[in-house]
Amino acid sequence: MVGALPSVPPVSSARTAPARAPAPAAPAEPSVPFPRRPLEAGGTWERVRWWYESVLGWPTAPGTPVRLRAGLRFDVLDVPAEAGHAALERLGPARGPGPAPRRPGFPVAVRGERMLLLVAAGGAEEMPGLLEWLEWGSLPLDLTAVGAGGLLEAPLAPEPGPTGLPPRPPGRDGLQGAAVWLRAPEPGCEVEASLPTLSAVGGAGTAPGLARLVRTLATQCHRVRLSQPPSPSSPPSPSCRMAL
């Protein structure tokens, strides 16, 4: 009689399977969330830069506030706001063919007590000779021109319109005194076509010629200067000495 085979004890799987390193423990969730830059920090100027570069295609300089590079798409005439408003009233609305104004005119911005009028690129270089030709070269005028290599603090982008610009947040620190558009450039239009040039008819019939604009601005700047009371430290004019 053949006896029953002795039972063989099962081989432990621990002896046959290779040893595995313990799985790394999952990192603990931070108790405090990582800091994020608040939306308010630079949010407004990021919107402004996006509007100029993406909507208008105007080059900007790094940093905040956003600054526009003059001399590439336009130059700028900087005058007292009082003189600028008076000049615009005398120049009248820009008109195209037909009885009604076709466009609001060339872009104009205001910054505090100053007005910034955009003119065709190269206009700043023409200013000294133009003022001499208009017989304003010998008189002090609070009229400056910014051309190639200059920077202009970008006026705040207009409130939302068909461009899809996100709404501008309410006033925040750093925006007090920022420039704003009185006549904003039109998205989708070449700004050069609306700028005053040395041409007698101006830019495409929508703006005065540069000579007419400068003559009007110089006249109003001179009137504003004469209307201001003399500084206590300044000597009296010859006419004042005669009156005394």
Protein backbone atom coordinates (compact mmCIF):
# COMPACT_ATOMS: atom_id res chain seq x y z
CA MET A 1 0.00 0.00 0.00
CA VAL A 2 1.38 3.26 -1.03
CA GLY A 3 1.20 5.79 1.71
CA ALA A 4 -0.06 9.35 1.23
CA LEU A 5 2.51 11.91 0.23
CA PRO A 6 3.54 14.23 2.99
CA SER A 7 2.07 17.66 2.69
CA VAL A 8 4.48 20.41 1.70
CA PRO A 9 4.06 23.66 3.57
CA PRO A 10 3.25 26.62 1.28
CA VAL A 11 6.16 28.82 0.40
CA SER A 12 5.77 32.27 1.80
CA SER A 13 5.35 34.93 -0.88
CA ALA A 14 7.63 37.11 1.14
CA ARG A 15 10.50 34.75 0.34
CA THR A 16 9.87 34.69 -3.42
CA ALA A 17 8.78 38.28 -4.24
CA PRO A 18 11.52 40.94 -4.26
CA ALA A 19 11.34 43.46 -1.52
CA ARG A 20 9.80 46.83 -2.47
CA ALA A 21 10.65 50.19 -1.01
CA PRO A 22 7.79 51.82 0.80
CA ALA A 23 5.84 54.35 -1.29
CA PRO A 24 6.76 57.96 -0.50
CA ALA A 25 4.25 59.72 1.62
CA ALA A 26 2.10 62.32 -0.12
CA PRO A 27 3.15 65.89 0.67
CA ALA A 28 1.05 67.48 3.28
CA GLU A 29 -1.34 70.16 2.09
CA PRO A 30 -0.09 73.61 3.05
CA SER A 31 -2.11 75.13 5.78
CA VAL A 32 -1.71 78.62 4.23
CA PRO A 33 -2.28 79.07 0.45
CA PHE A 34 0.59 80.35 -1.65
CA PRO A 35 0.49 84.13 -2.07
CA ARG A 36 -0.97 85.44 -5.31
CA ARG A 37 -0.50 88.84 -6.87
CA PRO A 38 -3.70 90.74 -6.20
CA LEU A 39 -5.76 91.70 -9.21
CA GLU A 40 -5.47 95.33 -8.22
CA ALA A 41 -1.67 95.30 -8.55
CA GLY A 42 -0.99 96.58 -12.03
CA GLY A 43 -4.37 95.44 -13.33
CA THR A 44 -5.36 98.81 -14.73
CA TRP A 45 -2.05 99.43 -16.46
CA GLU A 46 -2.07 95.91 -17.89
CA ARG A 47 -5.41 96.73 -19.51
CA VAL A 48 -4.01 100.03 -20.78
CA ARG A 49 -0.95 98.35 -22.29
CA TRP A 50 -3.12 95.66 -23.92
CA TRP A 51 -5.34 98.30 -25.52
CA TYR A 52 -2.46 100.27 -27.03
CA GLU A 53 -0.43 97.30 -28.25
CA SER A 54 -3.22 94.94 -29.32
CA VAL A 55 -6.00 97.29 -30.40
CA LEU A 56 -4.05 100.27 -31.79
CA GLY A 57 -0.70 98.61 -32.52
CA TRP A 58 1.24 101.40 -30.79
CA PRO A 59 4.63 100.54 -29.27
CA THR A 60 5.02 101.06 -25.52
CA ALA A 61 7.97 101.27 -23.17
CA PRO A 62 8.42 98.84 -20.25
CA GLY A 63 7.29 99.75 -16.75
CA THR A 64 4.34 101.50 -15.19
CA PRO A 65 2.68 103.79 -15.78
CA VAL A 66 2.51 102.78 -19.43
CA ARG A 67 4.39 105.14 -21.74
CA LEU A 68 4.01 105.47 -25.49
CA ARG A 69 6.98 105.88 -27.82
CA ALA A 70 6.75 109.13 -29.77
CA GLY A 71 8.26 109.65 -33.20
CA LEU A 72 7.08 106.33 -34.66
CA ARG A 73 3.34 106.72 -35.21
CA PHE A 74 2.94 110.30 -34.03
CA ASP A 75 4.57 113.30 -32.34
CA VAL A 76 3.02 115.32 -29.53
CA LEU A 77 2.47 119.03 -28.87
CA ASP A 78 2.27 119.85 -25.14
CA VAL A 79 0.52 123.13 -24.25
CA PRO A 80 -1.43 124.61 -21.32
CA ALA A 81 -4.92 123.11 -21.25
CA GLU A 82 -6.50 126.57 -21.29
CA ALA A 83 -4.68 127.48 -24.48
CA GLY A 84 -5.42 124.09 -26.02
CA HIS A 85 -9.16 124.32 -25.39
CA ALA A 86 -9.29 127.83 -26.83
CA ALA A 87 -7.36 126.70 -29.90
CA LEU A 88 -9.68 123.76 -30.52
CA GLU A 89 -12.70 126.03 -30.29
CA ARG A 90 -11.24 128.34 -32.92
CA LEU A 91 -10.23 125.51 -35.20
CA GLY A 92 -13.76 124.09 -35.08
CA PRO A 93 -14.87 120.48 -35.58
CA ALA A 94 -13.09 118.35 -38.10
CA ARG A 95 -15.28 117.85 -41.14
CA GLY A 96 -15.09 115.48 -44.00
CA PRO A 97 -17.03 115.64 -47.27
CA GLY A 98 -20.66 116.55 -46.67
CA PRO A 99 -22.45 118.79 -44.18
CA ALA A 100 -21.80 116.71 -41.04
CA PRO A 101 -18.50 115.97 -39.29
CA ARG A 102 -17.15 112.67 -40.52
CA ARG A 103 -14.80 111.96 -37.61
CA PRO A 104 -14.21 113.50 -34.21
CA GLY A 105 -10.84 114.87 -35.28
CA PHE A 106 -7.25 114.13 -34.43
CA PRO A 107 -6.50 112.56 -31.02
CA VAL A 108 -6.18 114.95 -28.07
CA ALA A 109 -5.57 114.12 -24.40
CA VAL A 110 -5.50 116.15 -21.20
CA ARG A 111 -3.34 115.61 -18.13
CA GLY A 112 -4.10 117.98 -15.30
CA GLU A 113 -3.44 121.51 -16.55
CA ARG A 114 -1.78 120.34 -19.77
CA MET A 115 -3.16 119.32 -23.14
CA LEU A 116 -1.45 116.81 -25.43
CA LEU A 117 -2.21 117.05 -29.14
CA LEU A 118 -1.04 114.32 -31.49
CA VAL A 119 0.46 115.40 -34.81
CA ALA A 120 2.13 113.51 -37.62
CA ALA A 121 5.50 111.92 -36.90
CA GLY A 122 8.27 114.35 -37.77
CA GLY A 123 6.26 117.38 -36.72
CA ALA A 124 8.43 117.96 -33.65
CA GLU A 125 11.50 118.42 -35.85
CA GLU A 126 9.65 121.02 -37.91
CA MET A 127 8.61 123.08 -34.89
CA PRO A 128 11.62 125.45 -34.58
CA GLY A 129 11.57 126.42 -38.26
CA LEU A 130 7.79 126.58 -38.30
CA LEU A 131 7.66 128.96 -35.34
CA GLU A 132 10.27 131.17 -36.99
CA TRP A 133 8.30 131.20 -40.23
CA LEU A 134 5.14 132.12 -38.31
CA GLU A 135 7.10 134.90 -36.52
CA TRP A 136 6.68 133.34 -33.10
CA GLY A 137 10.26 132.20 -32.71
CA SER A 138 11.45 135.19 -30.68
CA LEU A 139 8.73 135.01 -28.02
CA PRO A 140 8.65 132.64 -25.05
CA LEU A 141 5.82 130.18 -25.48
CA ASP A 142 4.76 127.39 -23.17
CA LEU A 143 4.60 125.06 -26.15
CA THR A 144 6.82 122.01 -26.39
CA ALA A 145 7.05 119.21 -28.92
CA VAL A 146 7.91 115.57 -28.22
CA GLY A 147 9.30 113.61 -31.14
CA ALA A 148 11.62 110.71 -31.93
CA GLY A 149 13.12 109.16 -28.80
CA GLY A 150 10.56 110.79 -26.52
CA LEU A 151 8.04 109.10 -24.29
CA LEU A 152 4.45 110.06 -23.56
CA GLU A 153 2.57 108.83 -20.50
CA ALA A 154 -0.26 106.82 -22.01
CA PRO A 155 -3.71 108.24 -21.33
CA LEU A 156 -6.06 105.77 -19.70
CA ALA A 157 -7.84 103.59 -22.22
CA PRO A 158 -11.40 104.68 -23.02
CA GLU A 159 -14.29 103.02 -21.27
CA PRO A 160 -15.46 99.75 -22.84
CA GLY A 161 -16.88 99.92 -26.31
CA PRO A 162 -16.93 97.74 -29.41
CA THR A 163 -13.22 96.96 -28.92
CA GLY A 164 -13.98 94.48 -26.14
CA LEU A 165 -11.73 96.25 -23.67
CA PRO A 166 -12.44 95.03 -20.14
CA PRO A 167 -14.10 97.65 -17.95
CA ARG A 168 -11.63 99.95 -16.27
CA PRO A 169 -11.77 99.50 -12.49
CA PRO A 170 -12.64 102.48 -10.30
CA GLY A 171 -9.98 104.98 -9.33
CA ARG A 172 -7.09 103.49 -7.40
CA ASP A 173 -3.80 104.62 -6.04
CA GLY A 174 -1.43 105.66 -8.79
CA LEU A 175 -4.15 106.81 -11.18
CA GLN A 176 -4.70 110.25 -9.69
CA GLY A 177 -3.66 112.84 -12.27
CA ALA A 178 -3.35 110.30 -15.08
CA ALA A 179 -3.91 111.56 -18.60
CA VAL A 180 -7.29 110.89 -20.22
CA TRP A 181 -8.45 111.15 -23.81
CA LEU A 182 -10.48 114.16 -24.85
CA ARG A 183 -10.56 112.74 -28.38
CA ALA A 184 -9.51 109.10 -28.33
CA PRO A 185 -7.87 107.44 -31.35
CA GLU A 186 -10.29 105.24 -33.26
CA PRO A 187 -9.55 101.50 -33.13
CA GLY A 188 -9.36 99.91 -36.54
CA CYS A 189 -8.28 103.17 -38.21
CA GLU A 190 -4.78 104.23 -39.13
CA VAL A 191 -4.03 107.08 -36.77
CA GLU A 192 -1.71 108.71 -39.29
CA ALA A 193 -4.66 109.56 -41.53
CA SER A 194 -6.18 111.83 -38.88
CA LEU A 195 -3.08 113.72 -37.71
CA PRO A 196 -2.16 117.31 -38.58
CA THR A 197 0.69 117.42 -41.11
CA LEU A 198 2.57 120.09 -43.00
CA SER A 199 0.09 119.58 -45.82
CA ALA A 200 -2.17 122.60 -46.28
CA VAL A 201 -5.29 120.47 -45.87
CA GLY A 202 -4.17 118.48 -42.86
CA GLY A 203 -4.54 114.77 -42.44
CA ALA A 204 -7.00 113.38 -44.98
CA GLY A 205 -9.29 116.37 -44.55
CA THR A 206 -10.08 115.54 -40.90
CA ALA A 207 -7.57 117.79 -39.14
CA PRO A 208 -6.04 121.23 -39.68
CA GLY A 209 -2.67 121.57 -41.29
CA LEU A 210 0.26 121.61 -38.87
CA ALA A 211 1.07 125.26 -39.67
CA ARG A 212 -2.48 126.37 -38.90
CA LEU A 213 -2.57 124.33 -35.70
CA VAL A 214 0.76 125.69 -34.46
CA ARG A 215 -0.20 129.28 -35.32
CA THR A 216 -3.46 128.93 -33.38
CA LEU A 217 -1.78 127.25 -30.42
CA ALA A 218 0.99 129.84 -30.29
CA THR A 219 -1.54 132.68 -30.31
CA GLN A 220 -3.51 131.14 -27.45
CA CYS A 221 -0.37 130.27 -25.46
CA HIS A 222 0.72 133.90 -25.76
CA ARG A 223 -2.68 135.13 -24.59
CA VAL A 224 -2.64 132.79 -21.60
CA ARG A 225 0.85 134.00 -20.69
CA LEU A 226 -0.22 137.66 -20.86
CA SER A 227 -3.28 136.98 -18.71
CA GLN A 228 -1.25 135.49 -15.89
CA PRO A 229 -0.21 137.85 -13.05
CA PRO A 230 3.51 138.55 -13.01
CA SER A 231 5.61 136.66 -10.53
CA PRO A 232 6.64 138.71 -7.46
CA SER A 233 10.27 137.96 -8.20
CA SER A 234 10.09 139.07 -11.84
CA PRO A 235 11.07 142.67 -12.68
CA PRO A 236 8.35 144.94 -14.04
CA SER A 237 8.07 145.35 -17.80
CA PRO A 238 9.24 148.67 -19.39
CA SER A 239 5.63 149.82 -19.63
CA CYS A 240 5.21 149.23 -15.90
CA ARG A 241 8.31 151.29 -15.14
CA MET A 242 6.90 154.19 -17.16
CA ALA A 243 3.61 153.99 -15.28
CA LEU A 244 5.43 154.19 -11.97
